[in-house]
């Protein structure tokens, strides 16, 4: 498998093909070589990709795996024809066409996620959410917190920033994040700026040993990164979140996607939040 090549071919950005392909390949304990080929939106480009795929097949002595999301039938037919020496996994044929038959409707066969980003409210909402999350990263600003969909709290380096940006980029969620610091532990309660929005708060914690390792990469041999300090901060943060009635989870062994899914389920799907 290390010598096996996987192509992701799309007439758009290729994000859908890659996401689907990665999910499928994650079921196998192998790491093949990945080749991304976005914006394949013409017959000429399709022929060039087939030539590339066939060259790889000849060089490796086995057919490449090819995940495709191609809306145009004339472009798609070139990749799915016998002239292509790859194992082609066609997401349109597997999912869109059966749904067309089931619904009795033709899909719009749109190229990419958005047909016209300038007119897409979903796209504009995502951009607004990203800007909001950047402006409210690491407690930089407490303005407009009433507009936040969720506020992530936790000690420094527990995964708040990447989770906030993932929620914004993938789901259009306005996510602020706020670090819990020793002064908060001494006071024994959340910062006053967060108190009115406690129902929007979600906590992240982390194993102290893992936290010390992460912090040592940033500030080696510092008190901030010492295992004693990390144990203290993690323990105090968990006690504070428990006292405040905030839902929280450990990011130690969870991916950003898993953390985000939990937040979407436990906070943003709650009609009282």
Protein backbone atom coordinates (compact mmCIF):
# COMPACT_ATOMS: atom_id res chain seq x y z
CA UNK A 1 0.00 0.00 0.00
CA UNK A 2 2.81 2.58 0.52
CA UNK A 3 3.46 2.10 -3.20
CA UNK A 4 -0.21 2.56 -4.12
CA UNK A 5 -1.46 5.91 -5.43
CA UNK A 6 -4.86 7.45 -4.82
CA UNK A 7 -6.16 10.24 -7.06
CA UNK A 8 -8.82 12.76 -6.04
CA UNK A 9 -10.27 14.26 -9.20
CA UNK A 10 -12.93 16.97 -9.19
CA UNK A 11 -14.36 19.77 -11.30
CA UNK A 12 -14.41 21.90 -8.13
CA UNK A 13 -12.04 22.16 -5.20
CA UNK A 14 -11.96 18.40 -4.59
CA UNK A 15 -12.87 18.75 -0.92
CA UNK A 16 -15.85 16.40 -1.23
CA UNK A 17 -13.84 13.73 -3.06
CA UNK A 18 -11.00 13.96 -0.55
CA UNK A 19 -13.26 13.89 2.49
CA UNK A 20 -15.13 10.85 1.20
CA UNK A 21 -11.95 9.12 0.06
CA UNK A 22 -10.15 9.71 3.35
CA UNK A 23 -13.13 8.32 5.27
CA UNK A 24 -13.10 5.14 3.20
CA UNK A 25 -9.33 4.67 3.25
CA UNK A 26 -9.25 5.20 7.03
CA UNK A 27 -10.75 1.71 7.28
CA UNK A 28 -7.44 0.28 6.06
CA UNK A 29 -4.10 0.34 7.88
CA UNK A 30 -2.18 1.81 4.98
CA UNK A 31 -0.94 5.19 3.80
CA UNK A 32 -0.96 5.39 0.01
CA UNK A 33 0.38 8.34 -1.96
CA UNK A 34 -2.25 11.06 -2.49
CA UNK A 35 -2.58 13.04 -5.71
CA UNK A 36 -5.07 15.95 -5.84
CA UNK A 37 -6.37 17.17 -9.17
CA UNK A 38 -9.04 19.90 -8.72
CA UNK A 39 -10.81 21.97 -11.41
CA UNK A 40 -10.93 19.22 -14.05
CA UNK A 41 -13.78 20.87 -15.93
CA UNK A 42 -13.04 20.15 -19.59
CA UNK A 43 -12.59 17.17 -21.89
CA UNK A 44 -8.96 18.13 -22.56
CA UNK A 45 -8.15 18.22 -18.85
CA UNK A 46 -9.89 14.86 -18.38
CA UNK A 47 -7.75 13.25 -21.08
CA UNK A 48 -4.59 14.63 -19.43
CA UNK A 49 -5.63 13.15 -16.08
CA UNK A 50 -6.29 9.76 -17.66
CA UNK A 51 -2.82 9.87 -19.22
CA UNK A 52 -1.35 10.63 -15.79
CA UNK A 53 -3.34 7.85 -14.11
CA UNK A 54 -2.28 5.34 -16.78
CA UNK A 55 1.37 6.34 -16.40
CA UNK A 56 1.19 5.73 -12.66
CA UNK A 57 -0.50 2.36 -13.26
CA UNK A 58 2.32 1.34 -15.60
CA UNK A 59 5.04 2.54 -13.23
CA UNK A 60 3.58 0.91 -10.10
CA UNK A 61 2.32 -2.27 -11.76
CA UNK A 62 -1.11 -1.89 -10.17
CA UNK A 63 -4.07 0.33 -10.85
CA UNK A 64 -4.41 3.55 -8.88
CA UNK A 65 -7.56 4.25 -6.87
CA UNK A 66 -9.44 7.24 -8.28
CA UNK A 67 -12.17 9.09 -6.36
CA UNK A 68 -14.08 11.47 -8.64
CA UNK A 69 -16.73 14.16 -8.25
CA UNK A 70 -17.38 15.30 -11.82
CA UNK A 71 -20.71 16.88 -12.72
CA UNK A 72 -20.30 17.09 -16.51
CA UNK A 73 -21.18 13.81 -18.17
CA UNK A 74 -18.72 14.26 -21.07
CA UNK A 75 -15.85 14.84 -18.63
CA UNK A 76 -16.92 12.05 -16.30
CA UNK A 77 -17.31 9.52 -19.12
CA UNK A 78 -13.62 9.87 -19.98
CA UNK A 79 -12.55 8.94 -16.46
CA UNK A 80 -15.04 6.06 -16.22
CA UNK A 81 -14.24 4.63 -19.67
CA UNK A 82 -12.06 1.58 -20.33
CA UNK A 83 -9.21 3.85 -21.40
CA UNK A 84 -8.66 4.78 -17.74
CA UNK A 85 -6.53 2.16 -15.98
CA UNK A 86 -7.53 3.17 -12.48
CA UNK A 87 -10.19 1.79 -10.13
CA UNK A 88 -12.64 4.69 -10.39
CA UNK A 89 -15.00 5.44 -7.50
CA UNK A 90 -17.67 7.76 -8.93
CA UNK A 91 -19.53 9.62 -6.18
CA UNK A 92 -22.13 11.03 -8.59
CA UNK A 93 -22.96 7.62 -9.99
CA UNK A 94 -23.01 6.04 -6.52
CA UNK A 95 -25.16 8.66 -4.79
CA UNK A 96 -26.58 11.43 -6.98
CA UNK A 97 -28.01 9.31 -9.78
CA UNK A 98 -29.86 6.87 -7.46
CA UNK A 99 -31.35 9.88 -5.68
CA UNK A 100 -32.42 11.39 -9.00
CA UNK A 101 -34.31 8.17 -9.75
CA UNK A 102 -35.79 8.04 -6.25
CA UNK A 103 -36.95 11.68 -6.25
CA UNK A 104 -37.95 11.71 -9.89
CA UNK A 105 -35.90 14.91 -10.24
CA UNK A 106 -32.71 15.91 -11.99
CA UNK A 107 -30.03 17.39 -9.78
CA UNK A 108 -28.45 20.68 -10.80
CA UNK A 109 -25.07 18.93 -11.33
CA UNK A 110 -23.48 21.99 -9.86
CA UNK A 111 -19.70 22.32 -10.01
CA UNK A 112 -18.36 22.61 -6.47
CA UNK A 113 -20.15 23.35 -3.24
CA UNK A 114 -21.40 26.79 -4.26
CA UNK A 115 -22.69 27.69 -7.70
CA UNK A 116 -21.99 31.41 -7.17
CA UNK A 117 -20.22 32.34 -3.95
CA UNK A 118 -21.19 36.00 -4.33
CA UNK A 119 -24.86 35.02 -4.08
CA UNK A 120 -24.53 32.22 -1.54
CA UNK A 121 -25.87 33.06 1.89
CA UNK A 122 -24.28 29.91 3.27
CA UNK A 123 -20.87 30.99 2.02
CA UNK A 124 -21.29 34.52 3.40
CA UNK A 125 -22.38 33.09 6.75
CA UNK A 126 -19.23 30.98 6.89
CA UNK A 127 -17.00 33.97 6.14
CA UNK A 128 -18.75 35.99 8.83
CA UNK A 129 -18.33 33.13 11.30
CA UNK A 130 -14.61 32.81 10.52
CA UNK A 131 -14.09 36.55 11.03
CA UNK A 132 -16.01 36.38 14.31
CA UNK A 133 -13.95 33.44 15.58
CA UNK A 134 -10.67 35.15 14.68
CA UNK A 135 -11.74 38.37 16.43
CA UNK A 136 -12.75 36.42 19.54
CA UNK A 137 -9.80 34.04 19.65
CA UNK A 138 -8.07 33.47 22.99
CA UNK A 139 -10.19 36.07 24.79
CA UNK A 140 -9.01 38.93 22.54
CA UNK A 141 -12.41 40.56 22.69
CA UNK A 142 -15.53 40.24 24.82
CA UNK A 143 -17.56 42.49 22.52
CA UNK A 144 -20.63 41.04 20.82
CA UNK A 145 -20.48 37.80 22.76
CA UNK A 146 -24.27 37.80 22.56
CA UNK A 147 -23.79 36.99 18.87
CA UNK A 148 -21.70 33.90 19.64
CA UNK A 149 -23.26 30.50 19.01
CA UNK A 150 -20.83 28.87 21.42
CA UNK A 151 -17.98 30.01 23.69
CA UNK A 152 -15.19 27.50 24.30
CA UNK A 153 -13.39 27.71 27.64
CA UNK A 154 -10.38 25.84 28.95
CA UNK A 155 -6.72 26.16 29.84
CA UNK A 156 -4.23 27.41 27.29
CA UNK A 157 -3.36 24.85 24.56
CA UNK A 158 -6.32 22.56 25.20
CA UNK A 159 -7.60 22.81 21.61
CA UNK A 160 -9.95 25.79 21.75
CA UNK A 161 -8.62 27.74 18.75
CA UNK A 162 -8.55 24.92 16.17
CA UNK A 163 -12.00 23.77 17.30
CA UNK A 164 -13.39 27.31 17.00
CA UNK A 165 -12.01 27.72 13.49
CA UNK A 166 -13.22 24.28 12.42
CA UNK A 167 -16.75 25.08 13.62
CA UNK A 168 -16.65 28.36 11.71
CA UNK A 169 -15.18 27.00 8.49
CA UNK A 170 -17.15 23.77 8.27
CA UNK A 171 -20.45 24.70 9.90
CA UNK A 172 -20.70 28.49 9.85
CA UNK A 173 -20.77 28.54 13.67
CA UNK A 174 -19.73 31.74 15.43
CA UNK A 175 -17.41 30.31 18.05
CA UNK A 176 -15.53 32.47 20.54
CA UNK A 177 -12.92 30.99 22.85
CA UNK A 178 -11.66 32.15 26.21
CA UNK A 179 -8.64 30.87 28.20
CA UNK A 180 -9.05 30.03 31.86
CA UNK A 181 -6.10 31.51 33.76
CA UNK A 182 -4.79 31.33 37.37
CA UNK A 183 -6.69 34.52 38.29
CA UNK A 184 -9.94 32.77 37.39
CA UNK A 185 -9.01 29.83 39.61
CA UNK A 186 -8.26 32.16 42.52
CA UNK A 187 -11.64 33.87 42.11
CA UNK A 188 -13.32 30.50 41.79
CA UNK A 189 -15.75 31.53 39.06
CA UNK A 190 -15.92 32.36 35.39
CA UNK A 191 -14.72 35.77 34.18
CA UNK A 192 -17.51 38.32 34.60
CA UNK A 193 -17.67 38.90 30.84
CA UNK A 194 -18.74 35.28 30.34
CA UNK A 195 -21.26 35.03 33.17
CA UNK A 196 -24.27 36.30 31.15
CA UNK A 197 -23.46 33.74 28.45
CA UNK A 198 -22.76 30.72 30.63
CA UNK A 199 -25.44 28.76 28.75
CA UNK A 200 -23.33 29.15 25.59
CA UNK A 201 -20.13 27.92 27.18
CA UNK A 202 -18.55 24.54 26.48
CA UNK A 203 -15.37 23.40 28.21
CA UNK A 204 -12.30 21.61 26.92
CA UNK A 205 -9.88 19.87 29.22
CA UNK A 206 -6.80 17.77 28.48
CA UNK A 207 -4.53 15.23 30.13
CA UNK A 208 -1.86 17.10 32.11
CA UNK A 209 1.02 15.06 30.67
CA UNK A 210 -0.17 15.74 27.13
CA UNK A 211 -0.59 19.43 27.95
CA UNK A 212 2.96 19.64 29.34
CA UNK A 213 4.31 18.07 26.15
CA UNK A 214 2.43 20.57 23.94
CA UNK A 215 3.47 23.56 26.03
CA UNK A 216 7.11 22.46 26.12
CA UNK A 217 7.19 22.66 22.35
CA UNK A 218 6.17 26.30 22.65
CA UNK A 219 8.02 27.36 25.82
CA UNK A 220 10.55 24.69 26.80
CA UNK A 221 11.67 24.45 30.43
CA UNK A 222 9.20 27.13 31.56
CA UNK A 223 6.89 27.13 34.58
CA UNK A 224 4.03 27.45 32.09
CA UNK A 225 5.01 24.06 30.62
CA UNK A 226 5.99 22.26 33.84
CA UNK A 227 4.03 19.13 34.67
CA UNK A 228 3.23 20.47 38.16
CA UNK A 229 1.70 23.65 36.74
CA UNK A 230 -0.20 21.74 34.07
CA UNK A 231 -1.67 19.38 36.66
CA UNK A 232 -2.72 22.35 38.79
CA UNK A 233 -4.34 24.25 35.91
CA UNK A 234 -6.19 21.21 34.54
CA UNK A 235 -7.54 20.26 37.97
CA UNK A 236 -8.63 23.81 38.78
CA UNK A 237 -10.23 24.31 35.36
CA UNK A 238 -12.24 21.11 35.68
CA UNK A 239 -13.39 22.09 39.18
CA UNK A 240 -14.41 25.56 37.93
CA UNK A 241 -16.35 24.15 34.97
CA UNK A 242 -18.09 21.61 37.19
CA UNK A 243 -19.01 24.34 39.69
CA UNK A 244 -20.35 26.51 36.88
CA UNK A 245 -22.44 23.70 35.39
CA UNK A 246 -20.61 23.78 32.05
CA UNK A 247 -20.54 20.73 29.79
CA UNK A 248 -16.97 19.72 29.01
CA UNK A 249 -14.88 16.96 27.51
CA UNK A 250 -11.24 15.96 27.23
CA UNK A 251 -9.52 16.74 23.95
CA UNK A 252 -6.62 14.38 24.72
CA UNK A 253 -7.66 11.50 22.48
CA UNK A 254 -10.29 13.20 20.34
CA UNK A 255 -9.97 14.72 16.90
CA UNK A 256 -11.18 18.23 16.11
CA UNK A 257 -14.04 16.63 14.15
CA UNK A 258 -15.13 14.56 17.17
CA UNK A 259 -15.00 17.57 19.50
CA UNK A 260 -17.01 19.67 17.04
CA UNK A 261 -19.61 16.92 16.62
CA UNK A 262 -20.06 16.74 20.40
CA UNK A 263 -20.51 20.51 20.64
CA UNK A 264 -23.05 20.49 17.80
CA UNK A 265 -24.96 17.72 19.55
CA UNK A 266 -24.77 18.88 23.17
CA UNK A 267 -24.85 22.67 22.89
CA UNK A 268 -26.08 23.85 19.52
CA UNK A 269 -28.88 21.31 19.18
CA UNK A 270 -30.27 22.24 22.61
CA UNK A 271 -33.40 24.37 22.07
CA UNK A 272 -32.85 26.08 25.43
CA UNK A 273 -29.35 27.29 24.51
